[in-house]
Protein backbone atom coordinates (compact mmCIF):
# COMPACT_ATOMS: atom_id res chain seq x y z
CA MET A 1 9.03 -60.22 15.70
CA ILE A 2 7.31 -61.36 18.74
CA ASP A 3 9.29 -58.97 21.05
CA ALA A 4 8.55 -56.21 18.90
CA LEU A 5 4.75 -57.22 19.18
CA ALA A 6 4.75 -57.19 22.71
CA ALA A 7 6.56 -53.73 23.03
CA GLU A 8 4.07 -52.21 21.06
CA TRP A 9 1.44 -53.63 22.67
CA TRP A 10 2.81 -52.27 26.02
CA LYS A 11 3.44 -48.79 24.74
CA LEU A 12 -0.36 -48.91 23.07
CA ARG A 13 -1.89 -49.48 26.34
CA SER A 14 0.34 -47.34 28.60
CA VAL A 15 -0.82 -43.94 26.87
CA ARG A 16 -4.13 -42.05 27.39
CA SER A 17 -4.72 -41.55 24.01
CA THR A 18 -5.42 -45.23 23.48
CA PHE A 19 -7.97 -45.35 26.24
CA ALA A 20 -9.69 -42.17 24.88
CA VAL A 21 -10.13 -43.97 21.52
CA PHE A 22 -11.46 -46.91 23.13
CA GLY A 23 -13.42 -45.06 25.68
CA THR A 24 -15.05 -43.26 22.46
CA VAL A 25 -15.98 -46.78 21.28
CA ALA A 26 -17.79 -47.83 24.49
CA VAL A 27 -19.69 -44.37 24.53
CA PHE A 28 -21.07 -45.31 21.16
CA VAL A 29 -21.92 -48.52 22.18
CA ILE A 30 -24.07 -46.93 24.70
CA LEU A 31 -25.60 -44.72 22.21
CA CYS A 32 -26.42 -47.80 20.31
CA VAL A 33 -28.36 -48.91 23.30
CA VAL A 34 -29.85 -45.58 23.68
CA TRP A 35 -30.91 -45.48 20.22
CA SER A 36 -32.54 -49.22 20.19
CA LEU A 37 -34.47 -48.08 23.35
CA TYR A 38 -36.03 -45.05 21.61
CA ALA A 39 -36.67 -46.67 18.27
CA ALA A 40 -38.77 -49.26 20.65
CA HIS A 41 -40.39 -46.57 22.22
CA TYR A 42 -41.36 -44.69 19.31
CA TRP A 43 -42.44 -47.64 17.53
CA ASP A 44 -45.01 -48.56 20.46
CA GLY A 45 -46.74 -44.95 20.06
CA LEU A 46 -47.18 -45.53 16.09
CA SER A 47 -50.67 -46.57 14.79
CA GLN A 48 -50.91 -49.86 12.86
CA ALA A 49 -50.92 -47.78 9.54
CA ARG A 50 -47.44 -45.99 10.51
CA ARG A 51 -46.03 -49.15 11.82
CA ALA A 52 -46.28 -50.89 8.44
CA THR A 53 -44.47 -47.94 7.04
CA PHE A 54 -41.81 -47.62 9.79
CA GLU A 55 -38.33 -48.09 8.89
CA SER A 56 -35.20 -47.16 11.00
CA ALA A 57 -31.45 -47.17 10.95
CA PRO A 58 -30.16 -50.55 12.17
CA PRO A 59 -28.83 -50.61 15.84
CA GLU A 60 -25.22 -50.89 15.21
CA GLN A 61 -25.53 -47.63 12.97
CA PRO A 62 -24.29 -45.08 15.62
CA LEU A 63 -21.08 -47.13 16.04
CA ALA A 64 -20.45 -47.89 12.39
CA ILE A 65 -20.33 -44.03 11.94
CA ALA A 66 -17.80 -43.70 14.83
CA LEU A 67 -15.35 -46.34 14.03
CA PRO A 68 -13.62 -45.06 11.01
CA VAL A 69 -12.64 -41.85 13.08
CA CYS A 70 -11.54 -44.04 15.88
CA ALA A 71 -9.31 -46.17 13.23
CA VAL A 72 -7.64 -42.95 11.98
CA LEU A 73 -6.82 -41.59 15.38
CA LEU A 74 -5.22 -45.19 16.75
CA GLY A 75 -3.58 -45.80 13.51
CA ALA A 76 -1.88 -42.06 13.53
CA LEU A 77 -1.06 -41.69 17.08
CA PRO A 78 1.30 -44.60 17.98
CA MET A 79 3.69 -43.33 14.84
CA THR A 80 3.39 -39.78 14.66
CA SER A 81 3.63 -39.36 18.74
CA GLU A 82 6.87 -41.15 18.79
CA TYR A 83 8.40 -38.61 16.04
CA ALA A 84 7.17 -35.58 17.86
CA SER A 85 8.72 -36.63 21.19
CA GLY A 86 12.00 -38.19 19.73
CA MET A 87 11.21 -41.58 21.15
CA ILE A 88 11.27 -43.34 17.62
CA ARG A 89 15.12 -43.25 18.21
CA THR A 90 14.78 -45.18 21.26
CA SER A 91 12.34 -47.54 19.60
CA LEU A 92 15.03 -47.92 16.62
CA ALA A 93 17.78 -48.70 19.17
CA ALA A 94 15.90 -51.52 21.05
CA ILE A 95 14.54 -52.90 17.63
CA PRO A 96 17.13 -51.56 14.59
CA ARG A 97 15.42 -53.75 11.94
CA ARG A 98 13.17 -51.34 10.70
CA PRO A 99 10.77 -53.52 8.62
CA VAL A 100 9.98 -55.42 11.79
CA LEU A 101 9.37 -52.18 13.97
CA PHE A 102 7.22 -50.58 11.44
CA CYS A 103 5.03 -53.65 10.92
CA ALA A 104 4.87 -54.01 14.80
CA LYS A 105 3.73 -50.60 15.20
CA ALA A 106 1.09 -51.14 12.40
CA ALA A 107 -0.08 -54.49 13.38
CA VAL A 108 -0.96 -53.55 17.10
CA PRO A 109 -3.19 -50.95 16.57
CA GLY A 110 -4.58 -52.51 13.67
CA ALA A 111 -5.49 -55.67 15.66
CA ALA A 112 -6.85 -53.78 18.72
CA MET A 113 -9.14 -51.93 16.53
CA LEU A 114 -10.34 -54.87 15.09
CA VAL A 115 -11.37 -56.60 18.43
CA ALA A 116 -12.65 -53.40 19.55
CA ALA A 117 -14.79 -53.31 16.41
CA LEU A 118 -15.91 -56.75 16.57
CA VAL A 119 -17.05 -56.68 20.25
CA GLY A 120 -18.99 -53.03 20.04
CA LEU A 121 -20.75 -53.97 16.89
CA THR A 122 -21.74 -57.18 18.46
CA ALA A 123 -22.85 -55.55 21.46
CA GLY A 124 -24.84 -52.97 19.56
CA VAL A 125 -26.87 -55.58 17.56
CA VAL A 126 -27.55 -57.57 20.74
CA ALA A 127 -28.90 -54.65 22.31
CA GLY A 128 -30.99 -54.01 19.48
CA GLU A 129 -32.55 -57.23 19.61
CA ALA A 130 -33.22 -57.01 23.16
CA ALA A 131 -34.70 -53.44 22.74
CA ALA A 132 -36.84 -54.67 19.72
CA ASN A 133 -38.01 -57.82 22.02
CA GLY A 134 -40.00 -59.36 19.11
CA ARG A 135 -41.48 -56.54 17.77
CA PRO A 136 -41.43 -56.61 13.78
CA MET A 137 -39.61 -53.07 13.52
CA ARG A 138 -38.06 -52.90 10.14
CA GLY A 139 -34.27 -52.33 10.67
CA PHE A 140 -34.24 -54.35 13.74
CA ASP A 141 -36.03 -57.60 12.41
CA ALA A 142 -33.08 -59.23 11.18
CA SER A 143 -31.53 -62.10 13.41
CA PHE A 144 -28.30 -61.59 14.91
CA LEU A 145 -26.80 -64.57 12.28
CA ASP A 146 -28.02 -61.94 9.35
CA HIS A 147 -25.83 -59.29 10.72
CA VAL A 148 -22.72 -61.59 11.28
CA PRO A 149 -21.23 -61.01 7.64
CA TYR A 150 -21.80 -57.10 7.81
CA LEU A 151 -20.43 -56.87 11.28
CA LEU A 152 -17.37 -58.74 10.00
CA ALA A 153 -16.86 -56.72 6.95
CA MET A 154 -17.21 -53.41 8.93
CA ALA A 155 -14.94 -54.65 11.71
CA VAL A 156 -11.90 -55.69 9.09
CA THR A 157 -12.60 -52.36 6.94
CA THR A 158 -11.97 -50.61 10.36
CA ALA A 159 -8.66 -52.62 11.16
CA ALA A 160 -7.83 -51.66 7.33
CA ILE A 161 -8.41 -48.04 8.18
CA THR A 162 -6.02 -48.29 10.99
CA LEU A 163 -3.44 -49.99 8.79
CA MET A 164 -3.39 -47.37 5.92
CA THR A 165 -3.36 -44.87 8.48
CA ALA A 166 -0.35 -46.14 10.06
CA GLY A 167 1.56 -46.17 6.63
CA LEU A 168 0.38 -42.40 6.05
CA ALA A 169 1.77 -41.43 9.30
CA VAL A 170 5.11 -42.63 8.50
CA VAL A 171 5.02 -40.78 5.22
CA LEU A 172 3.75 -37.42 7.09
CA ARG A 173 5.23 -37.53 10.58
CA SER A 174 2.62 -35.35 11.74
CA THR A 175 -0.17 -36.12 14.15
CA ALA A 176 -2.19 -33.18 12.63
CA GLY A 177 -1.67 -33.75 8.88
CA THR A 178 -2.34 -37.37 9.30
CA ILE A 179 -5.48 -37.10 10.93
CA THR A 180 -6.47 -34.51 8.81
CA THR A 181 -5.64 -36.33 5.82
CA GLY A 182 -7.59 -39.25 6.86
CA MET A 183 -10.57 -37.47 7.78
CA ALA A 184 -10.79 -35.64 4.45
CA VAL A 185 -10.57 -39.20 2.76
CA LEU A 186 -13.26 -40.53 4.98
CA PHE A 187 -15.41 -37.52 5.27
CA VAL A 188 -14.75 -34.81 2.62
CA VAL A 189 -14.03 -37.07 -0.53
CA PRO A 190 -17.42 -39.00 -0.67
CA PRO A 191 -19.49 -35.82 -0.61
CA VAL A 192 -17.18 -34.19 -3.38
CA ALA A 193 -17.78 -37.53 -5.32
CA ASN A 194 -21.19 -37.41 -5.21
CA LEU A 195 -21.13 -34.08 -6.98
CA LEU A 196 -19.60 -35.81 -10.26
CA PRO A 197 -22.04 -36.42 -12.84
CA GLY A 198 -23.58 -39.75 -12.68
CA PRO A 199 -22.59 -42.29 -13.01
CA TRP A 200 -19.06 -41.12 -12.17
CA GLY A 201 -20.13 -40.21 -8.83
CA GLU A 202 -21.37 -43.17 -8.02
CA ARG A 203 -18.63 -45.23 -9.33
CA VAL A 204 -16.00 -43.10 -7.50
CA TRP A 205 -17.76 -43.53 -4.29
CA ALA A 206 -17.83 -47.45 -4.82
CA VAL A 207 -14.39 -47.48 -4.77
CA LEU A 208 -13.59 -45.48 -1.69
CA PRO A 209 -12.27 -47.51 1.48
CA GLU A 210 -15.27 -46.55 4.02
CA SER A 211 -17.73 -47.80 1.04
CA LEU A 212 -16.23 -51.25 0.78
CA ALA A 213 -17.75 -52.59 4.07
CA GLY A 214 -21.24 -52.61 2.68
CA GLN A 215 -20.28 -54.16 -0.49
CA MET A 216 -18.32 -57.05 0.77
CA ALA A 217 -21.40 -57.95 2.86
CA SER A 218 -24.56 -55.75 2.49
CA PRO A 219 -26.31 -54.77 5.73
CA PRO A 220 -29.28 -56.99 6.31
CA GLY A 221 -32.41 -55.63 4.34
CA ALA A 222 -30.16 -53.58 1.93
CA SER A 223 -30.09 -54.10 -2.00
CA PRO A 224 -27.21 -53.56 -3.83
CA THR A 225 -26.94 -50.96 -6.50
CA ARG A 226 -25.92 -51.14 -10.23
CA ASP A 227 -22.58 -49.69 -9.66
CA ASP A 228 -21.84 -51.51 -6.41
CA LEU A 229 -18.60 -53.80 -6.46
CA SER A 230 -19.07 -57.44 -5.96
CA PRO A 231 -17.84 -58.91 -2.51
CA ALA A 232 -14.71 -60.40 -4.02
CA VAL A 233 -13.70 -57.36 -5.89
CA SER A 234 -14.28 -55.00 -2.82
CA ALA A 235 -12.11 -57.47 -0.58
CA LEU A 236 -9.21 -57.54 -2.97
CA LEU A 237 -9.42 -53.50 -3.35
CA LEU A 238 -9.42 -53.03 0.35
CA ALA A 239 -6.69 -55.32 0.52
CA ALA A 240 -4.80 -53.84 -2.40
CA TYR A 241 -4.99 -50.41 -0.45
CA VAL A 242 -3.47 -51.94 2.89
CA LEU A 243 -0.90 -53.42 0.82
CA VAL A 244 0.11 -50.31 -0.78
CA ALA A 245 -0.26 -48.05 2.35
CA LEU A 246 2.26 -50.55 4.39
CA GLY A 247 4.48 -51.02 1.52
CA VAL A 248 4.55 -47.04 1.17
CA GLY A 249 5.24 -47.06 4.77
CA VAL A 250 8.07 -49.82 5.00
CA ARG A 251 9.93 -48.25 2.33
CA VAL A 252 9.88 -44.72 3.71
CA PHE A 253 10.71 -45.95 7.21
CA GLY A 254 13.43 -47.82 5.88
CA ARG A 255 15.04 -45.17 4.02
CA ARG A 256 14.48 -41.90 6.08
CA ASP A 257 16.34 -41.01 8.71
CA ALA A 258 14.67 -40.76 12.47
């Protein structure tokens, strides 16, 4: 297993798409910094009465929006690109144990996205604290320790989306199909769920993968709603999504011809 992980890590860091994904994360960290500086500058220009009602999105928000997209891309490309190029046969010749190979192909991008998300979100929050510089700005007034549970939940959810996409990639074997399906689950299904009559719309939204991070650990200052799942149930549901996706992926990868 160690050799398989090492080989997949070497392949992951040798392709340009990986650097494009991590470069996107870096760009959105910079956007977090720009957003924090803009919010501080805007707050300075407000009257005392306006400052009392001022409320901003948290400093890590730009990156939190981009991370699920990056997770889908990094979860899909390592698997589908090998099917497209035929390199999957070479990988199977080197590591004929298919479950081991599949787990390595899923685990390496998942771990990479976990680290990238943790580093990026931490940098965004630290930049927000530095930009606020003691200003009592709502959205920026929580301490770094108050953000830690939510940052961890976001990073774990990002890694989980990467793993789920890897399982989907084995089933579809198509880069375009996998990315399109992943993006639809993240950005099409939630608005459609909101069209359902209450309370079903809120209940469907609560069980979608991307919404689980905020239910495992609420962002600082956020209040849970009646339809929110408990942190334990949210974590178990996220784990179930991952286990089902990886289980299907292992089975399909083991039974289909390369």
